[in-house]
C-alpha atoms as a PDB file:
ATOM      1  CA  GLN A   1      11.164  -5.498  15.149  1.00  0.00           C
ATOM      2  CA  VAL A   2       8.154  -4.837  12.881  1.00  0.00           C
ATOM      3  CA  GLN A   3       8.773  -5.516   9.215  1.00  0.00           C
ATOM      4  CA  LEU A   4       6.733  -5.024   6.022  1.00  0.00           C
ATOM      5  CA  VAL A   5       6.837  -7.121   2.868  1.00  0.00           C
ATOM      6  CA  GLU A   6       5.195  -6.070  -0.330  1.00  0.00           C
ATOM      7  CA  SER A   7       4.176  -8.178  -3.245  1.00  0.00           C
ATOM      8  CA  GLY A   8       2.060  -8.179  -6.264  1.00  0.00           C
ATOM      9  CA  GLY A   9       3.698  -5.553  -8.509  1.00  0.00           C
ATOM     10  CA  GLY A  10       4.424  -6.144 -12.153  1.00  0.00           C
ATOM     11  CA  LEU A  11       3.856  -4.967 -15.752  1.00  0.00           C
ATOM     12  CA  VAL A  12       0.364  -4.390 -17.055  1.00  0.00           C
ATOM     13  CA  GLN A  13      -1.213  -2.651 -19.987  1.00  0.00           C
ATOM     14  CA  ALA A  14      -3.300   0.345 -19.580  1.00  0.00           C
ATOM     15  CA  GLY A  15      -6.753  -0.490 -18.525  1.00  0.00           C
ATOM     16  CA  GLY A  16      -5.567  -3.633 -16.736  1.00  0.00           C
ATOM     17  CA  SER A  17      -5.469  -4.525 -13.026  1.00  0.00           C
ATOM     18  CA  LEU A  18      -3.123  -5.533 -10.341  1.00  0.00           C
ATOM     19  CA  ARG A  19      -3.339  -6.373  -6.821  1.00  0.00           C
ATOM     20  CA  LEU A  20      -0.714  -5.313  -4.178  1.00  0.00           C
ATOM     21  CA  SER A  21      -0.373  -6.827  -0.794  1.00  0.00           C
ATOM     22  CA  CYS A  22       1.550  -5.956   2.168  1.00  0.00           C
ATOM     23  CA  ALA A  23       2.205  -8.212   5.084  1.00  0.00           C
ATOM     24  CA  ALA A  24       3.357  -6.901   8.509  1.00  0.00           C
ATOM     25  CA  SER A  25       5.318  -9.203  10.849  1.00  0.00           C
ATOM     26  CA  GLY A  26       6.927  -8.900  14.374  1.00  0.00           C
ATOM     27  CA  PRO A  27       5.621  -8.080  17.864  1.00  0.00           C
ATOM     28  CA  ILE A  28       2.473  -6.178  16.714  1.00  0.00           C
ATOM     29  CA  PHE A  29      -0.216  -5.489  19.408  1.00  0.00           C
ATOM     30  CA  SER A  30      -2.387  -3.390  17.261  1.00  0.00           C
ATOM     31  CA  ILE A  31      -2.409  -1.551  13.828  1.00  0.00           C
ATOM     32  CA  ASN A  32      -3.427   2.069  13.806  1.00  0.00           C
ATOM     33  CA  ARG A  33      -3.117   2.619  10.163  1.00  0.00           C
ATOM     34  CA  MET A  34      -1.647   1.087   6.882  1.00  0.00           C
ATOM     35  CA  ALA A  35      -1.064   3.085   3.718  1.00  0.00           C
ATOM     36  CA  TRP A  36       0.311   2.940   0.327  1.00  0.00           C
ATOM     37  CA  TYR A  37       2.464   5.558  -1.145  1.00  0.00           C
ATOM     38  CA  ARG A  38       4.268   5.730  -4.475  1.00  0.00           C
ATOM     39  CA  GLN A  39       7.109   7.378  -6.107  1.00  0.00           C
ATOM     40  CA  ALA A  40       7.350   7.778  -9.808  1.00  0.00           C
ATOM     41  CA  PRO A  41      10.739   8.432 -11.614  1.00  0.00           C
ATOM     42  CA  GLY A  42      11.865  11.884 -10.997  1.00  0.00           C
ATOM     43  CA  LYS A  43       9.029  12.748  -8.579  1.00  0.00           C
ATOM     44  CA  GLU A  44       8.602  12.839  -4.856  1.00  0.00           C
ATOM     45  CA  ARG A  45       6.906  10.165  -2.960  1.00  0.00           C
ATOM     46  CA  GLU A  46       3.106  10.675  -2.643  1.00  0.00           C
ATOM     47  CA  TRP A  47       0.366   9.204  -0.630  1.00  0.00           C
ATOM     48  CA  VAL A  48      -2.038   6.941  -2.467  1.00  0.00           C
ATOM     49  CA  ALA A  49      -4.544   5.436  -0.001  1.00  0.00           C
ATOM     50  CA  SER A  50      -4.793   4.563   3.624  1.00  0.00           C
ATOM     51  CA  ILE A  51      -6.933   2.388   5.949  1.00  0.00           C
ATOM     52  CA  SER A  52      -7.355   2.534   9.720  1.00  0.00           C
ATOM     53  CA  GLY A  53      -7.221  -0.620  11.877  1.00  0.00           C
ATOM     54  CA  GLY A  54     -11.090  -0.188  12.091  1.00  0.00           C
ATOM     55  CA  GLY A  55     -11.444  -0.386   8.282  1.00  0.00           C
ATOM     56  CA  SER A  56     -11.885   3.319   7.444  1.00  0.00           C
ATOM     57  CA  SER A  57     -10.371   4.200   4.189  1.00  0.00           C
ATOM     58  CA  SER A  58      -9.338   7.265   2.292  1.00  0.00           C
ATOM     59  CA  TYR A  59      -7.873   7.854  -1.198  1.00  0.00           C
ATOM     60  CA  ALA A  60      -5.906  10.382  -3.229  1.00  0.00           C
ATOM     61  CA  SER A  61      -8.093  12.078  -5.986  1.00  0.00           C
ATOM     62  CA  ALA A  62      -5.925  10.471  -8.591  1.00  0.00           C
ATOM     63  CA  VAL A  63      -6.917   6.962  -7.697  1.00  0.00           C
ATOM     64  CA  LYS A  64     -10.357   7.330  -6.090  1.00  0.00           C
ATOM     65  CA  GLY A  65     -12.742   5.115  -7.800  1.00  0.00           C
ATOM     66  CA  ARG A  66     -10.079   2.931  -9.327  1.00  0.00           C
ATOM     67  CA  PHE A  67      -8.235   1.609  -6.407  1.00  0.00           C
ATOM     68  CA  THR A  68      -9.623  -0.182  -3.335  1.00  0.00           C
ATOM     69  CA  ILE A  69      -7.708  -0.804  -0.084  1.00  0.00           C
ATOM     70  CA  SER A  70      -8.614  -3.376   2.453  1.00  0.00           C
ATOM     71  CA  ILE A  71      -7.018  -4.774   5.682  1.00  0.00           C
ATOM     72  CA  ASP A  72      -7.254  -8.077   7.602  1.00  0.00           C
ATOM     73  CA  ASN A  73      -6.409  -7.373  11.162  1.00  0.00           C
ATOM     74  CA  THR A  74      -6.309 -11.090  11.976  1.00  0.00           C
ATOM     75  CA  LYS A  75      -3.365 -11.575   9.706  1.00  0.00           C
ATOM     76  CA  ASN A  76      -1.861  -7.993   9.835  1.00  0.00           C
ATOM     77  CA  THR A  77      -2.158  -7.682   6.060  1.00  0.00           C
ATOM     78  CA  MET A  78      -3.319  -5.091   3.664  1.00  0.00           C
ATOM     79  CA  SER A  79      -4.173  -5.356   0.063  1.00  0.00           C
ATOM     80  CA  MET A  80      -4.985  -2.825  -2.694  1.00  0.00           C
ATOM     81  CA  ALA A  81      -6.830  -3.730  -5.767  1.00  0.00           C
ATOM     82  CA  MET A  82      -5.892  -1.439  -8.665  1.00  0.00           C
ATOM     83  CA  ASN A  83      -8.262  -1.299 -11.719  1.00  0.00           C
ATOM     84  CA  SER A  84      -8.273   0.811 -14.872  1.00  0.00           C
ATOM     85  CA  LEU A  85      -4.587   1.315 -14.547  1.00  0.00           C
ATOM     86  CA  LYS A  86      -2.980   4.289 -16.360  1.00  0.00           C
ATOM     87  CA  PRO A  87       0.595   4.918 -17.480  1.00  0.00           C
ATOM     88  CA  GLU A  88       0.651   7.639 -14.967  1.00  0.00           C
ATOM     89  CA  ASP A  89       0.189   4.959 -12.165  1.00  0.00           C
ATOM     90  CA  THR A  90       3.716   3.723 -13.010  1.00  0.00           C
ATOM     91  CA  ALA A  91       5.710   4.009  -9.725  1.00  0.00           C
ATOM     92  CA  VAL A  92       7.411   2.068  -6.950  1.00  0.00           C
ATOM     93  CA  TYR A  93       4.608   1.529  -4.486  1.00  0.00           C
ATOM     94  CA  TYR A  94       5.556   1.508  -0.719  1.00  0.00           C
ATOM     95  CA  CYS A  95       3.662   0.025   2.061  1.00  0.00           C
ATOM     96  CA  ASN A  96       3.567   1.955   5.397  1.00  0.00           C
ATOM     97  CA  THR A  97       2.301   1.094   8.818  1.00  0.00           C
ATOM     98  CA  GLN A  98       1.709   2.868  12.141  1.00  0.00           C
ATOM     99  CA  ALA A  99       1.368   0.286  14.730  1.00  0.00           C
ATOM    100  CA  ARG A 100       1.745  -0.269  18.452  1.00  0.00           C
ATOM    101  CA  THR A 101       4.052  -3.077  19.661  1.00  0.00           C
ATOM    102  CA  THR A 102       3.955  -4.325  23.171  1.00  0.00           C
ATOM    103  CA  VAL A 103       6.454  -1.655  24.235  1.00  0.00           C
ATOM    104  CA  GLN A 104       6.129   1.295  21.719  1.00  0.00           C
ATOM    105  CA  TYR A 105       4.517   3.029  18.871  1.00  0.00           C
ATOM    106  CA  VAL A 106       6.284   2.538  15.398  1.00  0.00           C
ATOM    107  CA  GLU A 107       6.155   3.582  11.964  1.00  0.00           C
ATOM    108  CA  VAL A 108       7.641   1.259   9.410  1.00  0.00           C
ATOM    109  CA  TRP A 109       8.079   1.269   5.602  1.00  0.00           C
ATOM    110  CA  GLY A 110       8.428  -1.635   3.083  1.00  0.00           C
ATOM    111  CA  GLN A 111      11.048  -2.102   0.511  1.00  0.00           C
ATOM    112  CA  GLY A 112       8.717  -1.189  -2.358  1.00  0.00           C
ATOM    113  CA  THR A 113       7.300  -3.026  -5.331  1.00  0.00           C
ATOM    114  CA  LEU A 114       7.386  -1.711  -8.926  1.00  0.00           C
ATOM    115  CA  VAL A 115       4.149  -1.218 -10.985  1.00  0.00           C
ATOM    116  CA  SER A 116       4.615  -0.482 -14.564  1.00  0.00           C
ATOM    117  CA  VAL A 117       1.681   0.383 -16.817  1.00  0.00           C
ATOM    118  CA  THR A 118       2.375   0.550 -20.560  1.00  0.00           C
ATOM    119  CA  SER A 119       0.121   2.417 -22.996  1.00  0.00           C
END
């Protein structure tokens, strides 16, 4: 069973930085894509950024230029450096992966990590 564990959330002042990490474990043969989503209080979950197993990345316009996503295929981990944080970045951040195990294709979500940005 593939599982995801996020870490790195916390409380930071506006303009500060945080780094989120997501570690995938289980019978992973290959990772097609890993992504970050976020859900702010009272809002729907939204896509933030994603990266392919080959390293191609894309970003939502709200975070482009401030967030940088990276992947380490040797360790099945993904990180996202978040700089110039704004109060509107406050949300629970969820890791998502689309991966291939030895027997099937799976999509898995992590439990989420809270990022709070104060003004």
